[in-house]
N, C-alpha and C. Protein backbone atom coordinates (compact mmCIF):
# COMPACT_ATOMS: atom_id res chain seq x y z
N UNK A 1 42.66 53.87 -68.02
CA UNK A 1 42.83 52.59 -68.66
C UNK A 1 43.13 52.81 -70.15
N UNK A 2 44.07 52.05 -70.66
CA UNK A 2 44.42 52.08 -72.08
C UNK A 2 43.85 50.83 -72.73
N UNK A 3 43.28 51.00 -73.91
CA UNK A 3 42.66 49.88 -74.60
C UNK A 3 43.26 49.71 -75.99
N UNK A 4 43.53 48.46 -76.32
CA UNK A 4 44.13 48.09 -77.61
C UNK A 4 43.18 47.15 -78.34
N UNK A 5 43.11 47.35 -79.64
CA UNK A 5 42.40 46.39 -80.49
C UNK A 5 43.38 45.96 -81.57
N UNK A 6 43.57 44.66 -81.73
CA UNK A 6 44.51 44.10 -82.69
C UNK A 6 43.73 43.37 -83.77
N UNK A 7 44.07 43.62 -85.03
CA UNK A 7 43.42 42.96 -86.16
C UNK A 7 44.48 42.18 -86.93
N UNK A 8 44.16 40.95 -87.27
CA UNK A 8 45.08 40.14 -88.05
C UNK A 8 44.38 38.94 -88.63
N UNK A 9 45.18 37.95 -88.97
CA UNK A 9 44.65 36.71 -89.54
C UNK A 9 45.20 35.53 -88.75
N UNK A 10 44.43 34.46 -88.74
CA UNK A 10 44.87 33.25 -88.08
C UNK A 10 46.23 32.81 -88.59
N UNK A 11 47.12 32.47 -87.68
CA UNK A 11 48.46 32.05 -88.06
C UNK A 11 49.52 33.13 -87.89
N UNK A 12 49.09 34.38 -87.63
CA UNK A 12 50.05 35.47 -87.45
C UNK A 12 50.47 35.63 -85.99
N UNK A 13 49.87 34.87 -85.10
CA UNK A 13 50.23 34.95 -83.69
C UNK A 13 49.56 36.08 -82.93
N UNK A 14 48.41 36.53 -83.40
CA UNK A 14 47.75 37.68 -82.79
C UNK A 14 47.22 37.38 -81.38
N UNK A 15 46.67 36.18 -81.17
CA UNK A 15 46.14 35.82 -79.84
C UNK A 15 47.29 35.71 -78.85
N UNK A 16 48.38 35.08 -79.26
CA UNK A 16 49.56 34.97 -78.40
C UNK A 16 50.15 36.35 -78.13
N UNK A 17 50.17 37.21 -79.14
CA UNK A 17 50.71 38.57 -78.97
C UNK A 17 49.92 39.33 -77.91
N UNK A 18 48.61 39.22 -77.94
CA UNK A 18 47.78 39.92 -76.96
C UNK A 18 48.11 39.44 -75.55
N UNK A 19 48.24 38.13 -75.38
CA UNK A 19 48.56 37.57 -74.06
C UNK A 19 49.94 38.02 -73.59
N UNK A 20 50.91 38.02 -74.48
CA UNK A 20 52.27 38.45 -74.12
C UNK A 20 52.28 39.91 -73.72
N UNK A 21 51.61 40.77 -74.50
CA UNK A 21 51.60 42.19 -74.19
C UNK A 21 50.91 42.47 -72.87
N UNK A 22 49.80 41.79 -72.61
CA UNK A 22 49.09 41.97 -71.34
C UNK A 22 49.98 41.54 -70.17
N UNK A 23 50.66 40.43 -70.31
CA UNK A 23 51.54 39.97 -69.23
C UNK A 23 52.69 40.95 -69.02
N UNK A 24 53.26 41.47 -70.10
CA UNK A 24 54.34 42.45 -69.97
C UNK A 24 53.84 43.70 -69.28
N UNK A 25 52.62 44.11 -69.58
CA UNK A 25 52.01 45.25 -68.89
C UNK A 25 51.83 44.98 -67.41
N UNK A 26 51.44 43.75 -67.08
CA UNK A 26 51.29 43.35 -65.69
C UNK A 26 52.64 43.40 -64.97
N UNK A 27 53.68 42.95 -65.65
CA UNK A 27 55.03 42.99 -65.07
C UNK A 27 55.51 44.42 -64.86
N UNK A 28 54.90 45.38 -65.59
CA UNK A 28 55.22 46.80 -65.40
C UNK A 28 54.50 47.38 -64.19
N UNK A 29 53.62 46.58 -63.56
CA UNK A 29 52.89 47.05 -62.39
C UNK A 29 51.47 47.49 -62.67
N UNK A 30 50.97 47.19 -63.86
CA UNK A 30 49.60 47.52 -64.22
C UNK A 30 48.75 46.26 -64.14
N UNK A 31 47.46 46.46 -64.03
CA UNK A 31 46.54 45.34 -64.22
C UNK A 31 46.29 45.25 -65.71
N UNK A 32 46.20 44.05 -66.22
CA UNK A 32 46.03 43.89 -67.66
C UNK A 32 45.21 42.65 -67.96
N UNK A 33 44.55 42.71 -69.09
CA UNK A 33 43.70 41.60 -69.51
C UNK A 33 43.75 41.51 -71.03
N UNK A 34 43.81 40.29 -71.55
CA UNK A 34 43.80 40.06 -73.00
C UNK A 34 42.77 38.98 -73.32
N UNK A 35 42.10 39.15 -74.44
CA UNK A 35 41.16 38.15 -74.91
C UNK A 35 40.98 38.34 -76.40
N UNK A 36 40.38 37.36 -77.06
CA UNK A 36 40.30 37.42 -78.52
C UNK A 36 38.91 37.05 -79.01
N UNK A 37 38.71 37.31 -80.29
CA UNK A 37 37.44 37.04 -80.96
C UNK A 37 37.78 36.50 -82.34
N UNK A 38 37.32 35.31 -82.64
CA UNK A 38 37.56 34.76 -83.97
C UNK A 38 36.47 33.76 -84.29
N UNK A 39 36.27 33.56 -85.57
CA UNK A 39 35.28 32.59 -86.05
C UNK A 39 35.94 31.23 -86.19
N UNK A 40 35.91 30.71 -87.39
CA UNK A 40 36.52 29.41 -87.66
C UNK A 40 38.01 29.47 -87.38
N UNK A 41 38.50 28.50 -86.66
CA UNK A 41 39.93 28.47 -86.32
C UNK A 41 40.70 27.88 -87.49
N UNK A 42 41.12 28.75 -88.37
CA UNK A 42 41.91 28.30 -89.51
C UNK A 42 42.88 29.40 -89.92
N UNK A 43 43.95 28.97 -90.51
CA UNK A 43 44.96 29.92 -90.97
C UNK A 43 44.33 30.85 -92.00
N UNK A 44 44.56 32.14 -91.82
CA UNK A 44 44.07 33.12 -92.76
C UNK A 44 42.72 33.73 -92.41
N UNK A 45 42.00 33.15 -91.47
CA UNK A 45 40.70 33.72 -91.09
C UNK A 45 40.93 34.99 -90.25
N UNK A 46 40.07 35.99 -90.38
CA UNK A 46 40.22 37.21 -89.58
C UNK A 46 40.14 36.93 -88.08
N UNK A 47 41.01 37.59 -87.34
CA UNK A 47 41.07 37.45 -85.88
C UNK A 47 41.17 38.85 -85.29
N UNK A 48 40.47 39.08 -84.20
CA UNK A 48 40.58 40.33 -83.47
C UNK A 48 40.93 39.98 -82.03
N UNK A 49 41.88 40.69 -81.47
CA UNK A 49 42.25 40.49 -80.06
C UNK A 49 42.17 41.85 -79.36
N UNK A 50 41.95 41.78 -78.06
CA UNK A 50 41.76 42.98 -77.26
C UNK A 50 42.68 42.95 -76.05
N UNK A 51 43.17 44.11 -75.65
CA UNK A 51 44.00 44.24 -74.45
C UNK A 51 43.53 45.47 -73.70
N UNK A 52 43.38 45.31 -72.40
CA UNK A 52 43.13 46.45 -71.51
C UNK A 52 44.24 46.47 -70.50
N UNK A 53 44.73 47.66 -70.17
CA UNK A 53 45.78 47.80 -69.17
C UNK A 53 45.53 49.09 -68.40
N UNK A 54 45.65 49.03 -67.08
CA UNK A 54 45.43 50.23 -66.29
C UNK A 54 45.74 50.02 -64.83
N UNK A 55 45.40 51.00 -64.05
CA UNK A 55 45.70 50.98 -62.61
C UNK A 55 44.60 50.30 -61.79
N UNK A 56 43.41 50.17 -62.36
CA UNK A 56 42.29 49.56 -61.66
C UNK A 56 42.28 48.05 -61.84
N UNK A 57 42.08 47.34 -60.74
CA UNK A 57 42.09 45.88 -60.80
C UNK A 57 40.90 45.34 -61.58
N UNK A 58 39.73 45.93 -61.36
CA UNK A 58 38.53 45.48 -62.05
C UNK A 58 38.39 46.21 -63.37
N UNK A 59 38.20 45.44 -64.42
CA UNK A 59 38.00 46.03 -65.74
C UNK A 59 37.07 45.12 -66.53
N UNK A 60 36.33 45.69 -67.46
CA UNK A 60 35.39 44.88 -68.22
C UNK A 60 36.10 43.84 -69.08
N UNK A 61 35.42 42.73 -69.27
CA UNK A 61 35.90 41.70 -70.19
C UNK A 61 34.91 41.65 -71.35
N UNK A 62 35.07 42.60 -72.22
CA UNK A 62 34.17 42.71 -73.36
C UNK A 62 34.95 43.28 -74.54
N UNK A 63 34.34 43.25 -75.69
CA UNK A 63 34.98 43.85 -76.86
C UNK A 63 35.31 45.30 -76.58
N UNK A 64 36.29 45.80 -77.29
CA UNK A 64 36.71 47.19 -77.14
C UNK A 64 36.22 47.95 -78.37
N UNK A 65 35.35 48.91 -78.12
CA UNK A 65 34.75 49.68 -79.20
C UNK A 65 35.38 51.06 -79.37
N UNK A 66 36.08 51.56 -78.35
CA UNK A 66 36.71 52.89 -78.40
C UNK A 66 38.18 52.76 -77.98
N UNK A 67 39.01 52.08 -78.79
CA UNK A 67 40.40 51.86 -78.40
C UNK A 67 41.26 53.11 -78.47
N UNK A 68 42.31 53.11 -77.65
CA UNK A 68 43.35 54.14 -77.75
C UNK A 68 44.35 53.76 -78.84
N UNK A 69 44.50 52.47 -79.06
CA UNK A 69 45.48 51.94 -80.02
C UNK A 69 44.81 50.88 -80.89
N UNK A 70 45.08 50.94 -82.19
CA UNK A 70 44.66 49.89 -83.11
C UNK A 70 45.93 49.41 -83.80
N UNK A 71 46.17 48.10 -83.74
CA UNK A 71 47.33 47.50 -84.41
C UNK A 71 46.82 46.56 -85.49
N UNK A 72 47.28 46.77 -86.72
CA UNK A 72 46.87 45.96 -87.85
C UNK A 72 48.05 45.09 -88.26
N UNK A 73 47.94 43.79 -87.95
CA UNK A 73 49.01 42.85 -88.21
C UNK A 73 49.09 42.45 -89.68
N UNK A 74 47.96 42.50 -90.39
CA UNK A 74 47.92 42.08 -91.78
C UNK A 74 47.51 43.25 -92.66
N UNK A 75 48.40 43.73 -93.52
CA UNK A 75 48.09 44.91 -94.33
C UNK A 75 47.04 44.65 -95.40
N UNK A 76 46.67 43.38 -95.65
CA UNK A 76 45.64 43.11 -96.65
C UNK A 76 44.23 43.26 -96.08
N UNK A 77 44.12 43.38 -94.77
CA UNK A 77 42.81 43.61 -94.18
C UNK A 77 42.36 45.02 -94.55
N UNK A 78 41.10 45.18 -94.77
CA UNK A 78 40.60 46.51 -95.09
C UNK A 78 39.20 46.67 -94.53
N UNK A 79 38.72 47.86 -94.62
CA UNK A 79 37.36 48.11 -94.17
C UNK A 79 37.31 49.10 -93.03
N UNK A 80 36.14 49.67 -92.88
CA UNK A 80 35.94 50.68 -91.86
C UNK A 80 36.07 50.13 -90.45
N UNK A 81 35.84 48.83 -90.27
CA UNK A 81 35.87 48.27 -88.92
C UNK A 81 37.26 48.35 -88.29
N UNK A 82 38.30 48.40 -89.10
CA UNK A 82 39.65 48.48 -88.54
C UNK A 82 39.84 49.76 -87.73
N UNK A 83 39.34 50.86 -88.25
CA UNK A 83 39.52 52.15 -87.57
C UNK A 83 38.30 52.57 -86.76
N UNK A 84 37.29 51.77 -86.80
CA UNK A 84 36.04 52.11 -86.11
C UNK A 84 36.29 52.39 -84.63
N UNK A 85 35.87 53.57 -84.19
CA UNK A 85 35.94 53.92 -82.78
C UNK A 85 37.29 54.38 -82.27
N UNK A 86 38.32 54.40 -83.12
CA UNK A 86 39.64 54.83 -82.66
C UNK A 86 39.53 56.23 -82.06
N UNK A 87 39.94 56.37 -80.84
CA UNK A 87 39.76 57.62 -80.10
C UNK A 87 40.54 58.78 -80.69
N UNK A 88 40.01 59.96 -80.48
CA UNK A 88 40.70 61.20 -80.85
C UNK A 88 42.08 61.19 -80.19
N UNK A 89 43.12 61.43 -80.94
CA UNK A 89 44.48 61.40 -80.41
C UNK A 89 45.05 60.00 -80.27
N UNK A 90 44.28 58.99 -80.72
CA UNK A 90 44.73 57.61 -80.62
C UNK A 90 45.83 57.29 -81.61
N UNK A 91 46.21 56.02 -81.64
CA UNK A 91 47.33 55.60 -82.48
C UNK A 91 46.93 54.41 -83.34
N UNK A 92 47.25 54.49 -84.62
CA UNK A 92 47.09 53.39 -85.56
C UNK A 92 48.48 52.88 -85.89
N UNK A 93 48.71 51.61 -85.68
CA UNK A 93 49.99 50.95 -86.02
C UNK A 93 49.69 49.93 -87.10
N UNK A 94 50.38 50.05 -88.24
CA UNK A 94 50.11 49.18 -89.38
C UNK A 94 51.38 48.45 -89.80
N UNK A 95 51.24 47.16 -90.03
CA UNK A 95 52.32 46.36 -90.62
C UNK A 95 52.35 46.73 -92.10
N UNK A 96 53.26 47.61 -92.46
CA UNK A 96 53.32 48.08 -93.83
C UNK A 96 54.71 48.60 -94.15
N UNK A 97 55.12 48.40 -95.38
CA UNK A 97 56.37 48.96 -95.84
C UNK A 97 56.18 50.31 -96.52
N UNK A 98 54.94 50.83 -96.52
CA UNK A 98 54.65 52.11 -97.17
C UNK A 98 55.46 53.22 -96.52
N UNK A 99 55.94 54.13 -97.32
CA UNK A 99 56.74 55.25 -96.81
C UNK A 99 55.91 56.49 -96.53
N UNK A 100 54.69 56.54 -97.04
CA UNK A 100 53.84 57.69 -96.78
C UNK A 100 52.38 57.25 -96.73
N UNK A 101 51.53 58.14 -96.27
CA UNK A 101 50.12 57.80 -96.06
C UNK A 101 49.41 57.39 -97.35
N UNK A 102 49.76 57.99 -98.47
CA UNK A 102 49.09 57.66 -99.72
C UNK A 102 49.31 56.21 -100.11
N UNK A 103 50.41 55.62 -99.69
CA UNK A 103 50.73 54.25 -100.06
C UNK A 103 50.31 53.22 -99.03
N UNK A 104 49.70 53.65 -97.93
CA UNK A 104 49.23 52.68 -96.94
C UNK A 104 48.17 51.78 -97.56
N UNK A 105 48.24 50.49 -97.30
CA UNK A 105 47.24 49.59 -97.87
C UNK A 105 45.86 49.77 -97.24
N UNK A 106 45.79 50.44 -96.11
CA UNK A 106 44.53 50.66 -95.41
C UNK A 106 44.14 52.11 -95.59
N UNK A 107 42.91 52.34 -95.99
CA UNK A 107 42.44 53.71 -96.17
C UNK A 107 42.39 54.40 -94.81
N UNK A 108 43.05 55.53 -94.68
CA UNK A 108 43.04 56.31 -93.45
C UNK A 108 41.79 57.19 -93.51
N UNK A 109 40.79 56.80 -92.75
CA UNK A 109 39.50 57.48 -92.82
C UNK A 109 39.50 58.80 -92.08
N UNK A 110 38.61 59.67 -92.49
CA UNK A 110 38.49 60.98 -91.84
C UNK A 110 37.47 60.93 -90.72
N UNK A 111 37.69 60.09 -89.73
CA UNK A 111 36.72 60.02 -88.64
C UNK A 111 37.28 60.53 -87.33
N UNK A 112 38.42 61.11 -87.34
CA UNK A 112 38.99 61.66 -86.12
C UNK A 112 40.47 61.90 -86.29
N UNK A 113 41.05 62.46 -85.28
CA UNK A 113 42.49 62.74 -85.33
C UNK A 113 43.24 61.63 -84.60
N UNK A 114 44.21 61.03 -85.28
CA UNK A 114 45.02 59.98 -84.68
C UNK A 114 46.39 59.96 -85.32
N UNK A 115 47.31 59.30 -84.66
CA UNK A 115 48.68 59.16 -85.16
C UNK A 115 48.80 57.84 -85.92
N UNK A 116 49.60 57.84 -86.96
CA UNK A 116 49.81 56.64 -87.76
C UNK A 116 51.28 56.25 -87.68
N UNK A 117 51.53 54.99 -87.30
CA UNK A 117 52.88 54.43 -87.26
C UNK A 117 52.91 53.20 -88.16
N UNK A 118 54.06 52.98 -88.78
CA UNK A 118 54.22 51.80 -89.62
C UNK A 118 55.48 51.04 -89.22
N UNK A 119 55.43 49.75 -89.50
CA UNK A 119 56.58 48.87 -89.32
C UNK A 119 56.44 47.77 -90.38
N UNK A 120 57.50 47.46 -91.07
CA UNK A 120 57.44 46.38 -92.06
C UNK A 120 57.69 45.06 -91.34
N UNK A 121 56.69 44.65 -90.57
CA UNK A 121 56.81 43.45 -89.75
C UNK A 121 56.95 42.19 -90.59
N UNK A 122 56.32 42.16 -91.75
CA UNK A 122 56.41 40.99 -92.61
C UNK A 122 57.85 40.75 -93.05
N UNK A 123 58.51 41.80 -93.51
CA UNK A 123 59.91 41.67 -93.96
C UNK A 123 60.83 41.30 -92.80
N UNK A 124 60.63 41.92 -91.65
CA UNK A 124 61.47 41.63 -90.48
C UNK A 124 61.28 40.18 -90.05
N UNK A 125 60.04 39.71 -89.99
CA UNK A 125 59.78 38.32 -89.61
C UNK A 125 60.44 37.35 -90.58
N UNK A 126 60.35 37.64 -91.86
CA UNK A 126 60.99 36.76 -92.85
C UNK A 126 62.50 36.73 -92.67
N UNK A 127 63.10 37.90 -92.44
CA UNK A 127 64.56 37.95 -92.27
C UNK A 127 65.01 37.16 -91.06
N UNK A 128 64.18 37.10 -90.03
CA UNK A 128 64.53 36.36 -88.81
C UNK A 128 64.10 34.89 -88.88
N UNK A 129 63.56 34.48 -90.02
CA UNK A 129 63.15 33.09 -90.19
C UNK A 129 61.89 32.73 -89.41
N UNK A 130 61.07 33.72 -89.10
CA UNK A 130 59.85 33.48 -88.33
C UNK A 130 58.69 33.23 -89.29
N UNK A 131 58.67 32.02 -89.84
CA UNK A 131 57.61 31.63 -90.76
C UNK A 131 57.08 30.26 -90.36
N UNK A 132 55.81 30.05 -90.69
CA UNK A 132 55.19 28.74 -90.52
C UNK A 132 54.51 28.42 -91.83
N UNK A 133 54.86 27.31 -92.42
CA UNK A 133 54.31 26.89 -93.71
C UNK A 133 54.47 27.99 -94.76
N UNK A 134 55.58 28.73 -94.69
CA UNK A 134 55.87 29.77 -95.66
C UNK A 134 55.24 31.12 -95.37
N UNK A 135 54.41 31.20 -94.33
CA UNK A 135 53.76 32.47 -93.97
C UNK A 135 54.50 33.13 -92.82
N UNK A 136 54.78 34.43 -92.92
CA UNK A 136 55.49 35.11 -91.83
C UNK A 136 54.61 35.24 -90.58
N UNK A 137 55.21 34.99 -89.43
CA UNK A 137 54.54 35.15 -88.15
C UNK A 137 55.08 36.45 -87.57
N UNK A 138 54.26 37.50 -87.61
CA UNK A 138 54.72 38.86 -87.33
C UNK A 138 54.50 39.29 -85.88
N UNK A 139 54.00 38.42 -85.04
CA UNK A 139 53.57 38.87 -83.71
C UNK A 139 54.68 39.51 -82.87
N UNK A 140 55.86 38.95 -82.83
CA UNK A 140 56.88 39.54 -81.96
C UNK A 140 57.40 40.87 -82.51
N UNK A 141 57.44 41.00 -83.83
CA UNK A 141 57.83 42.28 -84.42
C UNK A 141 56.80 43.35 -84.02
N UNK A 142 55.53 43.01 -84.16
CA UNK A 142 54.46 43.95 -83.82
C UNK A 142 54.46 44.27 -82.32
N UNK A 143 54.81 43.30 -81.49
CA UNK A 143 54.89 43.55 -80.05
C UNK A 143 55.94 44.62 -79.74
N UNK A 144 57.10 44.51 -80.37
CA UNK A 144 58.14 45.51 -80.16
C UNK A 144 57.66 46.89 -80.58
N UNK A 145 56.98 46.96 -81.73
CA UNK A 145 56.46 48.24 -82.21
C UNK A 145 55.39 48.78 -81.28
N UNK A 146 54.50 47.91 -80.79
CA UNK A 146 53.45 48.33 -79.87
C UNK A 146 54.05 48.89 -78.58
N UNK A 147 55.08 48.23 -78.09
CA UNK A 147 55.73 48.71 -76.86
C UNK A 147 56.36 50.08 -77.08
N UNK A 148 57.03 50.24 -78.20
CA UNK A 148 57.69 51.53 -78.49
C UNK A 148 56.68 52.65 -78.66
N UNK A 149 55.58 52.37 -79.32
CA UNK A 149 54.58 53.40 -79.62
C UNK A 149 53.75 53.75 -78.38
N UNK A 150 53.41 52.75 -77.57
CA UNK A 150 52.51 52.98 -76.43
C UNK A 150 53.23 53.33 -75.14
N UNK A 151 54.44 52.80 -74.96
CA UNK A 151 55.15 53.00 -73.70
C UNK A 151 54.57 52.21 -72.54
N UNK A 152 53.68 51.26 -72.82
CA UNK A 152 53.02 50.50 -71.75
C UNK A 152 53.72 49.20 -71.39
N UNK A 153 54.72 48.82 -72.12
CA UNK A 153 55.47 47.61 -71.81
C UNK A 153 56.92 47.83 -72.22
N UNK A 154 57.83 47.36 -71.40
CA UNK A 154 59.25 47.46 -71.76
C UNK A 154 59.65 46.23 -72.58
N UNK A 155 60.70 46.39 -73.35
CA UNK A 155 61.22 45.27 -74.12
C UNK A 155 61.66 44.15 -73.18
N UNK A 156 62.24 44.50 -72.05
CA UNK A 156 62.69 43.49 -71.09
C UNK A 156 61.53 42.64 -70.62
N UNK A 157 60.38 43.25 -70.30
CA UNK A 157 59.24 42.48 -69.83
C UNK A 157 58.57 41.72 -70.97
N UNK A 158 58.63 42.25 -72.18
CA UNK A 158 58.15 41.47 -73.33
C UNK A 158 58.99 40.21 -73.50
N UNK A 159 60.31 40.34 -73.35
CA UNK A 159 61.19 39.18 -73.49
C UNK A 159 60.88 38.14 -72.42
N UNK A 160 60.65 38.57 -71.18
CA UNK A 160 60.29 37.63 -70.10
C UNK A 160 59.03 36.87 -70.49
N UNK A 161 58.02 37.58 -70.96
CA UNK A 161 56.76 36.94 -71.34
C UNK A 161 56.91 36.06 -72.57
N UNK A 162 57.70 36.49 -73.54
CA UNK A 162 57.94 35.68 -74.74
C UNK A 162 58.57 34.35 -74.35
N UNK A 163 59.53 34.39 -73.46
CA UNK A 163 60.21 33.15 -73.04
C UNK A 163 59.24 32.18 -72.36
N UNK A 164 58.18 32.69 -71.74
CA UNK A 164 57.18 31.83 -71.10
C UNK A 164 56.20 31.22 -72.11
N UNK A 165 55.90 31.94 -73.18
CA UNK A 165 54.80 31.55 -74.05
C UNK A 165 55.22 31.01 -75.42
N UNK A 166 56.43 31.31 -75.83
CA UNK A 166 56.89 30.85 -77.15
C UNK A 166 58.04 29.88 -76.92
N UNK A 167 57.94 28.71 -77.53
CA UNK A 167 58.96 27.68 -77.29
C UNK A 167 59.94 27.51 -78.44
N UNK A 168 59.58 27.97 -79.63
CA UNK A 168 60.46 27.80 -80.79
C UNK A 168 61.13 29.11 -81.16
N UNK A 169 62.33 29.02 -81.67
CA UNK A 169 63.06 30.18 -82.20
C UNK A 169 63.10 31.35 -81.23
N UNK A 170 63.45 31.08 -79.99
CA UNK A 170 63.44 32.11 -78.95
C UNK A 170 64.35 33.29 -79.32
N UNK A 171 65.57 33.01 -79.71
CA UNK A 171 66.50 34.10 -80.03
C UNK A 171 66.03 34.92 -81.22
N UNK A 172 65.46 34.26 -82.22
CA UNK A 172 64.94 34.98 -83.39
C UNK A 172 63.78 35.88 -82.97
N UNK A 173 62.91 35.39 -82.10
CA UNK A 173 61.78 36.19 -81.63
C UNK A 173 62.24 37.38 -80.79
N UNK A 174 63.25 37.18 -79.98
CA UNK A 174 63.79 38.28 -79.17
C UNK A 174 64.43 39.33 -80.08
N UNK A 175 65.17 38.88 -81.09
CA UNK A 175 65.75 39.83 -82.04
C UNK A 175 64.65 40.58 -82.79
N UNK A 176 63.57 39.88 -83.13
CA UNK A 176 62.47 40.51 -83.86
C UNK A 176 61.75 41.55 -83.01
N UNK A 177 61.55 41.27 -81.73
CA UNK A 177 60.88 42.25 -80.86
C UNK A 177 61.74 43.50 -80.73
N UNK A 178 63.04 43.32 -80.61
CA UNK A 178 63.95 44.47 -80.53
C UNK A 178 63.95 45.28 -81.83
N UNK A 179 63.99 44.59 -82.95
CA UNK A 179 63.99 45.29 -84.23
C UNK A 179 62.66 46.01 -84.45
N UNK A 180 61.55 45.40 -84.03
CA UNK A 180 60.25 46.05 -84.14
C UNK A 180 60.21 47.35 -83.36
N UNK A 181 60.79 47.35 -82.17
CA UNK A 181 60.83 48.57 -81.35
C UNK A 181 61.72 49.63 -81.98
N UNK A 182 62.82 49.20 -82.58
CA UNK A 182 63.78 50.14 -83.17
C UNK A 182 63.31 50.74 -84.50
N UNK A 183 62.58 49.97 -85.29
CA UNK A 183 62.30 50.39 -86.67
C UNK A 183 60.90 50.95 -86.89
N UNK A 184 60.04 50.95 -85.87
CA UNK A 184 58.72 51.54 -86.06
C UNK A 184 58.89 53.03 -86.26
N UNK A 185 58.09 53.58 -87.18
CA UNK A 185 58.21 55.02 -87.41
C UNK A 185 56.84 55.64 -87.61
N UNK A 186 56.78 56.89 -87.22
CA UNK A 186 55.54 57.66 -87.38
C UNK A 186 55.52 58.26 -88.77
N UNK A 187 54.36 58.20 -89.41
CA UNK A 187 54.20 58.82 -90.71
C UNK A 187 53.05 59.81 -90.62
N UNK A 188 53.29 60.99 -91.07
CA UNK A 188 52.24 61.96 -91.20
C UNK A 188 51.76 62.66 -89.95
N UNK A 189 52.23 62.29 -88.78
CA UNK A 189 51.75 62.94 -87.57
C UNK A 189 50.26 62.74 -87.38
N UNK A 190 49.57 63.73 -86.85
CA UNK A 190 48.14 63.62 -86.65
C UNK A 190 47.42 63.70 -87.99
N UNK A 191 46.57 62.75 -88.22
CA UNK A 191 45.84 62.66 -89.48
C UNK A 191 44.39 63.02 -89.23
N UNK A 192 43.80 63.74 -90.11
CA UNK A 192 42.36 64.02 -90.01
C UNK A 192 41.66 63.46 -91.22
């Protein structure tokens, strides 16, 4: 079973992204489940979403404490909880325009070996006009990057799921998911 933990803020589409990714994983022939955790439902409040995908039909419906993948939708989030429990050999995906590890807005802690990938999802979302009240909605860009990094969902199945769950700016969202998959890049290899 592969486990994902997504960190973001209300209004970035993180809950919808988790549902879309889980459905795309299901369309790939895996069992998948998505759920979220958030306090006050307001734009800008911290949100965490979880995804499990695997070959077993039965899987726990609980928080994920030892994820294989951590995706950070908002680069202004910080703290040890973002990387807490990330498994040895796991993957950190950050919405960031940083070109190297020293410039990442999130401190890369020395708690294990993991891969770091970045994607400037904020810039891509803005270019595609994916904003609400002036704030970029980065979920589809991050979905493309998550699919490329994990290999657990194809772009085709993400598009099928996006068309079911997103009603506005469909073509812009499809372009954003493709660009997210194409432009995600690994920085630094395994980090200790």
